[in-house]
N, C-alpha and C. Protein backbone atom coordinates (compact mmCIF):
# COMPACT_ATOMS: atom_id res chain seq x y z
N UNK A 1 172.91 110.40 146.38
CA UNK A 1 171.68 111.10 146.35
C UNK A 1 171.38 111.68 144.99
N UNK A 2 172.38 112.03 144.31
CA UNK A 2 172.17 112.59 143.01
C UNK A 2 171.59 111.58 142.06
N UNK A 3 171.90 110.35 142.31
CA UNK A 3 171.35 109.31 141.44
C UNK A 3 169.83 109.31 141.53
N UNK A 4 169.31 109.57 142.70
CA UNK A 4 167.86 109.59 142.87
C UNK A 4 167.23 110.79 142.19
N UNK A 5 167.95 111.89 142.08
CA UNK A 5 167.39 113.07 141.47
C UNK A 5 167.29 112.94 139.96
N UNK A 6 168.19 112.23 139.38
CA UNK A 6 168.22 112.09 137.94
C UNK A 6 167.21 111.07 137.42
N UNK A 7 166.78 110.23 138.27
CA UNK A 7 165.82 109.21 137.83
C UNK A 7 164.43 109.84 137.66
N UNK A 8 163.76 109.42 136.60
CA UNK A 8 162.41 109.89 136.40
C UNK A 8 161.47 108.76 136.73
N UNK A 9 160.43 109.04 137.40
CA UNK A 9 159.48 108.03 137.83
C UNK A 9 158.39 107.87 136.78
N UNK A 10 158.11 106.63 136.38
CA UNK A 10 157.04 106.35 135.43
C UNK A 10 155.83 105.77 136.15
N UNK A 11 155.92 105.61 137.44
CA UNK A 11 154.81 105.05 138.20
C UNK A 11 153.76 106.13 138.47
N UNK A 12 152.49 105.71 138.38
CA UNK A 12 151.40 106.62 138.69
C UNK A 12 151.13 106.56 140.17
N UNK A 13 150.63 107.63 140.74
CA UNK A 13 150.35 107.61 142.17
C UNK A 13 149.18 106.67 142.45
N UNK A 14 149.30 105.90 143.52
CA UNK A 14 148.27 104.96 143.94
C UNK A 14 147.31 105.69 144.86
N UNK A 15 145.99 105.46 144.63
CA UNK A 15 144.99 106.12 145.46
C UNK A 15 144.95 105.44 146.81
N UNK A 16 145.04 106.21 147.83
CA UNK A 16 144.95 105.71 149.18
C UNK A 16 143.83 106.46 149.87
N UNK A 17 143.55 106.03 151.09
CA UNK A 17 142.50 106.71 151.84
C UNK A 17 142.85 108.17 152.05
N UNK A 18 144.10 108.46 152.04
CA UNK A 18 144.52 109.82 152.28
C UNK A 18 144.50 110.66 151.02
N UNK A 19 144.44 110.00 149.83
CA UNK A 19 144.46 110.78 148.60
C UNK A 19 143.08 111.44 148.39
N UNK A 20 143.06 112.57 147.79
CA UNK A 20 141.81 113.31 147.64
C UNK A 20 140.85 112.60 146.67
N UNK A 21 139.55 112.58 147.03
CA UNK A 21 138.50 112.00 146.18
C UNK A 21 137.68 113.16 145.64
N UNK A 22 136.89 112.89 144.59
CA UNK A 22 136.05 113.98 144.08
C UNK A 22 135.14 114.49 145.19
N UNK A 23 134.96 115.78 145.20
CA UNK A 23 134.21 116.43 146.25
C UNK A 23 132.75 115.94 146.22
N UNK A 24 132.22 115.46 147.38
CA UNK A 24 130.83 115.10 147.52
C UNK A 24 130.43 113.74 146.99
N UNK A 25 131.32 112.87 146.58
CA UNK A 25 130.93 111.59 146.00
C UNK A 25 130.23 110.71 147.04
N UNK A 26 130.66 110.76 148.28
CA UNK A 26 129.96 110.00 149.32
C UNK A 26 128.55 110.56 149.52
N UNK A 27 128.42 111.85 149.47
CA UNK A 27 127.11 112.50 149.62
C UNK A 27 126.19 112.12 148.46
N UNK A 28 126.72 112.07 147.26
CA UNK A 28 125.93 111.71 146.08
C UNK A 28 125.44 110.26 146.21
N UNK A 29 126.33 109.36 146.61
CA UNK A 29 125.93 107.95 146.80
C UNK A 29 124.85 107.83 147.87
N UNK A 30 125.02 108.54 148.95
CA UNK A 30 124.05 108.48 150.03
C UNK A 30 122.68 108.98 149.55
N UNK A 31 122.65 110.10 148.82
CA UNK A 31 121.40 110.62 148.29
C UNK A 31 120.77 109.64 147.29
N UNK A 32 121.60 109.05 146.43
CA UNK A 32 121.09 108.08 145.46
C UNK A 32 120.44 106.91 146.18
N UNK A 33 121.11 106.40 147.21
CA UNK A 33 120.55 105.28 147.96
C UNK A 33 119.26 105.67 148.67
N UNK A 34 119.18 106.88 149.19
CA UNK A 34 117.95 107.36 149.84
C UNK A 34 116.80 107.45 148.82
N UNK A 35 117.10 108.03 147.66
CA UNK A 35 116.06 108.16 146.62
C UNK A 35 115.60 106.79 146.12
N UNK A 36 116.53 105.88 145.97
CA UNK A 36 116.17 104.53 145.51
C UNK A 36 115.28 103.85 146.56
N UNK A 37 115.65 103.98 147.83
CA UNK A 37 114.84 103.41 148.91
C UNK A 37 113.45 104.04 148.92
N UNK A 38 113.39 105.36 148.76
CA UNK A 38 112.11 106.07 148.71
C UNK A 38 111.26 105.58 147.53
N UNK A 39 111.89 105.40 146.37
CA UNK A 39 111.18 104.90 145.20
C UNK A 39 110.59 103.52 145.47
N UNK A 40 111.37 102.63 146.07
CA UNK A 40 110.86 101.29 146.38
C UNK A 40 109.69 101.36 147.35
N UNK A 41 109.79 102.20 148.37
CA UNK A 41 108.71 102.33 149.34
C UNK A 41 107.43 102.87 148.69
N UNK A 42 107.56 103.91 147.88
CA UNK A 42 106.39 104.51 147.22
C UNK A 42 105.76 103.52 146.24
N UNK A 43 106.57 102.77 145.55
CA UNK A 43 106.04 101.75 144.63
C UNK A 43 105.25 100.71 145.40
N UNK A 44 105.78 100.26 146.51
CA UNK A 44 105.08 99.27 147.33
C UNK A 44 103.80 99.86 147.92
N UNK A 45 103.86 101.11 148.38
CA UNK A 45 102.66 101.76 148.92
C UNK A 45 101.58 101.87 147.85
N UNK A 46 101.97 102.25 146.64
CA UNK A 46 100.99 102.39 145.56
C UNK A 46 100.38 101.03 145.20
N UNK A 47 101.19 100.01 145.15
CA UNK A 47 100.69 98.67 144.84
C UNK A 47 99.72 98.21 145.93
N UNK A 48 100.04 98.45 147.18
CA UNK A 48 99.13 98.10 148.28
C UNK A 48 97.83 98.91 148.19
N UNK A 49 97.93 100.19 147.85
CA UNK A 49 96.75 101.04 147.69
C UNK A 49 95.84 100.50 146.58
N UNK A 50 96.44 100.16 145.45
CA UNK A 50 95.68 99.63 144.31
C UNK A 50 94.95 98.34 144.70
N UNK A 51 95.64 97.44 145.37
CA UNK A 51 95.03 96.19 145.80
C UNK A 51 93.91 96.43 146.81
N UNK A 52 94.13 97.35 147.74
CA UNK A 52 93.12 97.65 148.76
C UNK A 52 91.86 98.25 148.13
N UNK A 53 92.03 99.20 147.20
CA UNK A 53 90.86 99.80 146.57
C UNK A 53 90.10 98.78 145.73
N UNK A 54 90.79 97.86 145.10
CA UNK A 54 90.12 96.81 144.33
C UNK A 54 89.32 95.90 145.26
N UNK A 55 89.90 95.54 146.39
CA UNK A 55 89.17 94.71 147.37
C UNK A 55 87.93 95.44 147.89
N UNK A 56 88.08 96.75 148.18
CA UNK A 56 86.95 97.54 148.67
C UNK A 56 85.86 97.66 147.61
N UNK A 57 86.26 97.85 146.35
CA UNK A 57 85.29 97.95 145.26
C UNK A 57 84.51 96.65 145.12
N UNK A 58 85.20 95.53 145.16
CA UNK A 58 84.53 94.23 145.06
C UNK A 58 83.60 93.99 146.25
N UNK A 59 84.04 94.37 147.44
CA UNK A 59 83.21 94.20 148.63
C UNK A 59 81.95 95.06 148.53
N UNK A 60 82.10 96.28 148.03
CA UNK A 60 80.94 97.17 147.87
C UNK A 60 79.96 96.60 146.86
N UNK A 61 80.47 96.12 145.73
CA UNK A 61 79.58 95.54 144.70
C UNK A 61 78.87 94.30 145.24
N UNK A 62 79.58 93.49 145.98
CA UNK A 62 78.98 92.29 146.56
C UNK A 62 77.91 92.66 147.57
N UNK A 63 78.16 93.68 148.36
CA UNK A 63 77.19 94.13 149.35
C UNK A 63 75.93 94.66 148.67
N UNK A 64 76.11 95.45 147.62
CA UNK A 64 74.96 95.99 146.89
C UNK A 64 74.14 94.86 146.27
N UNK A 65 74.82 93.89 145.70
CA UNK A 65 74.12 92.74 145.10
C UNK A 65 73.37 91.95 146.17
N UNK A 66 73.99 91.78 147.32
CA UNK A 66 73.35 91.03 148.40
C UNK A 66 72.09 91.74 148.88
N UNK A 67 72.14 93.06 148.98
CA UNK A 67 70.95 93.82 149.40
C UNK A 67 69.81 93.64 148.41
N UNK A 68 70.13 93.72 147.12
CA UNK A 68 69.09 93.55 146.10
C UNK A 68 68.52 92.14 146.12
N UNK A 69 69.38 91.16 146.26
CA UNK A 69 68.92 89.76 146.28
C UNK A 69 68.02 89.51 147.48
N UNK A 70 68.36 90.08 148.63
CA UNK A 70 67.50 89.94 149.81
C UNK A 70 66.10 90.49 149.55
N UNK A 71 66.03 91.61 148.81
CA UNK A 71 64.73 92.19 148.48
C UNK A 71 63.96 91.33 147.48
N UNK A 72 64.67 90.60 146.63
CA UNK A 72 64.02 89.79 145.60
C UNK A 72 63.57 88.42 146.10
N UNK A 73 64.16 87.94 147.18
CA UNK A 73 63.82 86.60 147.66
C UNK A 73 62.33 86.42 147.98
N UNK A 74 61.65 87.39 148.60
CA UNK A 74 60.20 87.22 148.80
C UNK A 74 59.44 87.04 147.48
N UNK A 75 59.92 87.67 146.42
CA UNK A 75 59.29 87.50 145.12
C UNK A 75 59.47 86.07 144.60
N UNK A 76 60.64 85.53 144.84
CA UNK A 76 60.88 84.14 144.45
C UNK A 76 59.91 83.23 145.21
N UNK A 77 59.72 83.49 146.50
CA UNK A 77 58.77 82.70 147.29
C UNK A 77 57.36 82.81 146.71
N UNK A 78 56.95 84.04 146.36
CA UNK A 78 55.61 84.24 145.79
C UNK A 78 55.48 83.52 144.45
N UNK A 79 56.52 83.55 143.63
CA UNK A 79 56.48 82.84 142.34
C UNK A 79 56.35 81.33 142.56
N UNK A 80 57.07 80.81 143.53
CA UNK A 80 56.97 79.37 143.81
C UNK A 80 55.56 79.01 144.27
N UNK A 81 54.95 79.85 145.10
CA UNK A 81 53.57 79.60 145.51
C UNK A 81 52.62 79.67 144.32
N UNK A 82 52.85 80.63 143.43
CA UNK A 82 52.00 80.77 142.25
C UNK A 82 52.12 79.55 141.35
N UNK A 83 53.31 79.01 141.23
CA UNK A 83 53.50 77.82 140.39
C UNK A 83 52.82 76.59 140.98
N UNK A 84 52.68 76.56 142.29
CA UNK A 84 52.02 75.42 142.94
C UNK A 84 50.49 75.57 142.91
N UNK A 85 50.00 76.77 142.64
CA UNK A 85 48.55 77.03 142.67
C UNK A 85 47.87 76.35 141.50
N UNK A 86 46.57 76.11 141.67
CA UNK A 86 45.75 75.50 140.64
C UNK A 86 45.48 76.54 139.55
N UNK A 87 45.92 76.25 138.33
CA UNK A 87 45.77 77.20 137.23
C UNK A 87 44.64 76.79 136.29
N UNK A 88 43.69 76.05 136.81
CA UNK A 88 42.56 75.65 135.97
C UNK A 88 41.66 76.85 135.72
N UNK A 89 40.65 76.67 134.94
CA UNK A 89 39.74 77.77 134.58
C UNK A 89 39.13 78.41 135.81
N UNK A 90 38.84 77.62 136.86
CA UNK A 90 38.23 78.20 138.06
C UNK A 90 39.23 79.04 138.85
N UNK A 91 40.50 78.65 138.84
CA UNK A 91 41.50 79.38 139.62
C UNK A 91 42.28 80.38 138.81
N UNK A 92 41.93 80.58 137.55
CA UNK A 92 42.70 81.44 136.66
C UNK A 92 42.71 82.90 137.13
N UNK A 93 41.59 83.40 137.62
CA UNK A 93 41.54 84.81 138.06
C UNK A 93 42.43 85.03 139.28
N UNK A 94 42.39 84.12 140.24
CA UNK A 94 43.25 84.22 141.41
C UNK A 94 44.72 84.11 141.03
N UNK A 95 45.00 83.23 140.09
CA UNK A 95 46.37 83.05 139.60
C UNK A 95 46.86 84.35 138.97
N UNK A 96 46.01 84.97 138.15
CA UNK A 96 46.37 86.22 137.49
C UNK A 96 46.61 87.33 138.52
N UNK A 97 45.75 87.45 139.52
CA UNK A 97 45.94 88.47 140.56
C UNK A 97 47.26 88.25 141.29
N UNK A 98 47.60 86.99 141.55
CA UNK A 98 48.88 86.69 142.22
C UNK A 98 50.07 87.12 141.38
N UNK A 99 50.03 86.84 140.10
CA UNK A 99 51.12 87.24 139.21
C UNK A 99 51.19 88.76 139.12
N UNK A 100 50.04 89.44 139.07
CA UNK A 100 50.04 90.91 139.04
C UNK A 100 50.63 91.48 140.32
N UNK A 101 50.34 90.86 141.44
CA UNK A 101 50.90 91.29 142.72
C UNK A 101 52.42 91.14 142.73
N UNK A 102 52.89 90.02 142.23
CA UNK A 102 54.34 89.79 142.17
C UNK A 102 54.99 90.83 141.26
N UNK A 103 54.38 91.09 140.12
CA UNK A 103 54.91 92.09 139.19
C UNK A 103 54.97 93.47 139.85
N UNK A 104 53.93 93.85 140.55
CA UNK A 104 53.88 95.14 141.24
C UNK A 104 54.99 95.22 142.30
N UNK A 105 55.17 94.15 143.07
CA UNK A 105 56.24 94.13 144.09
C UNK A 105 57.61 94.29 143.44
N UNK A 106 57.82 93.58 142.35
CA UNK A 106 59.11 93.67 141.67
C UNK A 106 59.35 95.08 141.14
N UNK A 107 58.35 95.68 140.55
CA UNK A 107 58.50 97.04 140.03
C UNK A 107 58.74 98.04 141.16
N UNK A 108 58.13 97.83 142.32
CA UNK A 108 58.38 98.70 143.48
C UNK A 108 59.83 98.59 143.94
N UNK A 109 60.36 97.38 143.98
CA UNK A 109 61.76 97.18 144.37
C UNK A 109 62.68 97.89 143.39
N UNK A 110 62.44 97.72 142.11
CA UNK A 110 63.28 98.36 141.10
C UNK A 110 63.17 99.88 141.19
N UNK A 111 61.97 100.40 141.39
CA UNK A 111 61.77 101.84 141.52
C UNK A 111 62.55 102.39 142.72
N UNK A 112 62.52 101.65 143.86
CA UNK A 112 63.29 102.08 145.04
C UNK A 112 64.78 102.14 144.73
N UNK A 113 65.24 101.30 143.84
CA UNK A 113 66.66 101.26 143.47
C UNK A 113 67.01 102.24 142.37
N UNK A 114 66.03 103.04 141.93
CA UNK A 114 66.31 104.06 140.91
C UNK A 114 66.12 103.59 139.49
N UNK A 115 65.54 102.40 139.29
CA UNK A 115 65.31 101.88 137.95
C UNK A 115 63.93 102.36 137.49
N UNK A 116 63.87 102.85 136.26
CA UNK A 116 62.58 103.27 135.73
C UNK A 116 62.46 102.80 134.29
N UNK A 117 61.23 102.43 133.88
CA UNK A 117 61.03 101.99 132.50
C UNK A 117 61.07 103.18 131.55
N UNK A 118 61.44 102.90 130.31
CA UNK A 118 61.46 103.93 129.27
C UNK A 118 60.10 103.91 128.59
N UNK A 119 59.44 105.06 128.57
CA UNK A 119 58.14 105.17 127.89
C UNK A 119 58.42 105.40 126.40
N UNK A 120 57.85 104.53 125.53
CA UNK A 120 58.23 104.60 124.13
C UNK A 120 57.07 104.81 123.16
N UNK A 121 55.89 104.34 123.47
CA UNK A 121 54.78 104.42 122.52
C UNK A 121 54.48 105.88 122.21
N UNK A 122 54.50 106.22 120.91
CA UNK A 122 54.24 107.59 120.47
C UNK A 122 55.48 108.46 120.44
N UNK A 123 56.59 107.99 120.98
CA UNK A 123 57.83 108.78 120.98
C UNK A 123 58.52 108.64 119.63
N UNK A 124 59.37 109.59 119.30
CA UNK A 124 60.19 109.48 118.10
C UNK A 124 61.30 108.48 118.35
N UNK A 125 61.64 107.71 117.32
CA UNK A 125 62.69 106.71 117.44
C UNK A 125 64.02 107.37 117.78
N UNK A 126 64.68 106.86 118.80
CA UNK A 126 66.00 107.33 119.21
C UNK A 126 66.89 106.09 119.36
N UNK A 127 67.90 105.95 118.51
CA UNK A 127 68.72 104.72 118.56
C UNK A 127 69.46 104.52 119.89
N UNK A 128 69.59 105.56 120.70
CA UNK A 128 70.22 105.38 122.01
C UNK A 128 69.28 104.65 122.96
N UNK A 129 68.00 104.94 122.90
CA UNK A 129 67.02 104.36 123.82
C UNK A 129 66.22 103.21 123.22
N UNK A 130 66.22 103.10 121.88
CA UNK A 130 65.37 102.13 121.22
C UNK A 130 66.18 101.21 120.30
N UNK A 131 65.74 99.98 120.23
CA UNK A 131 66.30 99.03 119.28
C UNK A 131 65.16 98.64 118.33
N UNK A 132 65.23 99.10 117.09
CA UNK A 132 64.16 98.84 116.13
C UNK A 132 64.32 97.43 115.58
N UNK A 133 63.26 96.63 115.72
CA UNK A 133 63.28 95.28 115.18
C UNK A 133 62.26 95.13 114.05
N UNK A 134 61.43 96.13 113.88
CA UNK A 134 60.46 96.12 112.78
C UNK A 134 60.22 97.55 112.34
N UNK A 135 59.97 97.69 111.06
CA UNK A 135 59.75 99.00 110.45
C UNK A 135 58.66 98.79 109.42
N UNK A 136 57.49 99.35 109.65
CA UNK A 136 56.39 99.09 108.72
C UNK A 136 55.55 100.34 108.49
N UNK A 137 54.89 100.38 107.32
CA UNK A 137 54.00 101.52 107.03
C UNK A 137 52.83 101.52 108.00
N UNK A 138 52.47 102.70 108.47
CA UNK A 138 51.35 102.83 109.40
C UNK A 138 50.58 104.09 109.07
N UNK A 139 49.29 103.91 108.79
CA UNK A 139 48.43 105.05 108.48
C UNK A 139 48.25 105.91 109.74
N UNK A 140 48.30 107.21 109.57
CA UNK A 140 48.04 108.12 110.67
C UNK A 140 49.18 108.24 111.68
N UNK A 141 50.34 107.70 111.39
CA UNK A 141 51.50 107.78 112.28
C UNK A 141 52.61 108.58 111.60
N UNK A 142 53.39 109.27 112.39
CA UNK A 142 54.53 110.02 111.86
C UNK A 142 55.64 109.05 111.45
N UNK A 143 56.44 109.49 110.51
CA UNK A 143 57.60 108.69 110.12
C UNK A 143 58.58 108.67 111.28
N UNK A 144 59.00 107.50 111.70
CA UNK A 144 59.95 107.37 112.81
C UNK A 144 59.30 107.31 114.18
N UNK A 145 57.97 107.26 114.23
CA UNK A 145 57.26 107.17 115.50
C UNK A 145 57.23 105.72 115.97
N UNK A 146 57.46 105.50 117.26
CA UNK A 146 57.40 104.15 117.83
C UNK A 146 55.92 103.79 117.98
N UNK A 147 55.54 102.65 117.36
CA UNK A 147 54.12 102.26 117.39
C UNK A 147 53.86 101.00 118.20
N UNK A 148 54.92 100.24 118.53
CA UNK A 148 54.73 99.04 119.34
C UNK A 148 56.01 98.74 120.11
N UNK A 149 55.82 98.21 121.31
CA UNK A 149 56.96 97.85 122.16
C UNK A 149 56.96 96.33 122.35
N UNK A 150 58.06 95.69 121.97
CA UNK A 150 58.19 94.24 122.14
C UNK A 150 58.84 93.87 123.46
N UNK A 151 59.79 94.68 123.88
CA UNK A 151 60.47 94.46 125.16
C UNK A 151 60.76 95.81 125.76
N UNK A 152 60.39 95.98 127.02
CA UNK A 152 60.55 97.26 127.71
C UNK A 152 62.03 97.53 127.99
N UNK A 153 62.40 98.80 127.83
CA UNK A 153 63.75 99.25 128.17
C UNK A 153 63.75 99.91 129.53
N UNK A 154 64.94 99.97 130.16
CA UNK A 154 65.04 100.52 131.52
C UNK A 154 66.25 101.43 131.66
N UNK A 155 66.08 102.42 132.52
CA UNK A 155 67.15 103.36 132.88
C UNK A 155 67.44 103.22 134.37
N UNK A 156 68.69 103.40 134.74
CA UNK A 156 69.09 103.49 136.14
C UNK A 156 69.66 104.89 136.30
N UNK A 157 68.85 105.78 136.83
CA UNK A 157 69.25 107.19 136.88
C UNK A 157 69.34 107.70 135.45
N UNK A 158 70.51 108.19 135.06
CA UNK A 158 70.73 108.66 133.69
C UNK A 158 71.40 107.60 132.82
N UNK A 159 71.62 106.44 133.37
CA UNK A 159 72.34 105.36 132.66
C UNK A 159 71.34 104.39 132.02
N UNK A 160 71.57 104.07 130.76
CA UNK A 160 70.74 103.11 130.05
C UNK A 160 71.12 101.69 130.47
N UNK A 161 70.16 100.96 131.03
CA UNK A 161 70.41 99.56 131.38
C UNK A 161 70.14 98.65 130.18
N UNK A 162 69.03 98.92 129.49
CA UNK A 162 68.65 98.12 128.35
C UNK A 162 67.75 98.96 127.46
N UNK A 163 68.02 98.99 126.13
CA UNK A 163 67.13 99.74 125.24
C UNK A 163 65.81 99.01 125.03
N UNK A 164 64.78 99.75 124.68
CA UNK A 164 63.48 99.17 124.37
C UNK A 164 63.53 98.55 122.97
N UNK A 165 62.95 97.37 122.83
CA UNK A 165 62.84 96.72 121.54
C UNK A 165 61.50 97.14 120.95
N UNK A 166 61.53 97.83 119.79
CA UNK A 166 60.32 98.49 119.29
C UNK A 166 60.07 98.25 117.80
N UNK A 167 58.83 98.60 117.40
CA UNK A 167 58.43 98.66 115.99
C UNK A 167 58.25 100.13 115.67
N UNK A 168 58.77 100.54 114.52
CA UNK A 168 58.77 101.95 114.14
C UNK A 168 57.90 102.15 112.90
N UNK A 169 57.16 103.24 112.89
CA UNK A 169 56.28 103.57 111.77
C UNK A 169 57.08 104.14 110.61
N UNK A 170 56.61 103.78 109.42
CA UNK A 170 57.19 104.30 108.20
C UNK A 170 56.08 105.07 107.49
N UNK A 171 56.36 106.30 107.14
CA UNK A 171 55.33 107.12 106.49
C UNK A 171 54.93 106.49 105.17
N UNK A 172 53.64 106.48 104.91
CA UNK A 172 53.19 105.86 103.65
C UNK A 172 53.00 106.87 102.56
């Protein structure tokens, strides 16, 4: 027996199920796995939300466009009838009244949708609302005053749809 006491052991203890482990390591792993699972679920939920909102946005835009197109189709019919009409000197007045009627209908549809033309003649030039394509001296006009409109501009509520194409006076 004494022989066993004198021997020194160089072997390290082997970890067994009975040997002590760091406190809470199983709990830490379990929490990590729960958080990772939660992260994956939230990522998938967010991705599904993003895709759903994009589909809804596209459906809404398509629906709005369809409503507008339905309102414009009668105008297309009227234009086709006008193109088939006799545009000779005798029928010119009737042709003109038909085109004026179509224009009035179109402007009514746009007005119902919140579109309004920008009034420019006599206004001061504003680069946000106006696109100057000509600048010429004009007697009796203020410098920077809009004196002619080449193409009408339109607003949708407070949003600029298209600026007016204008000629601007230059003080002489």
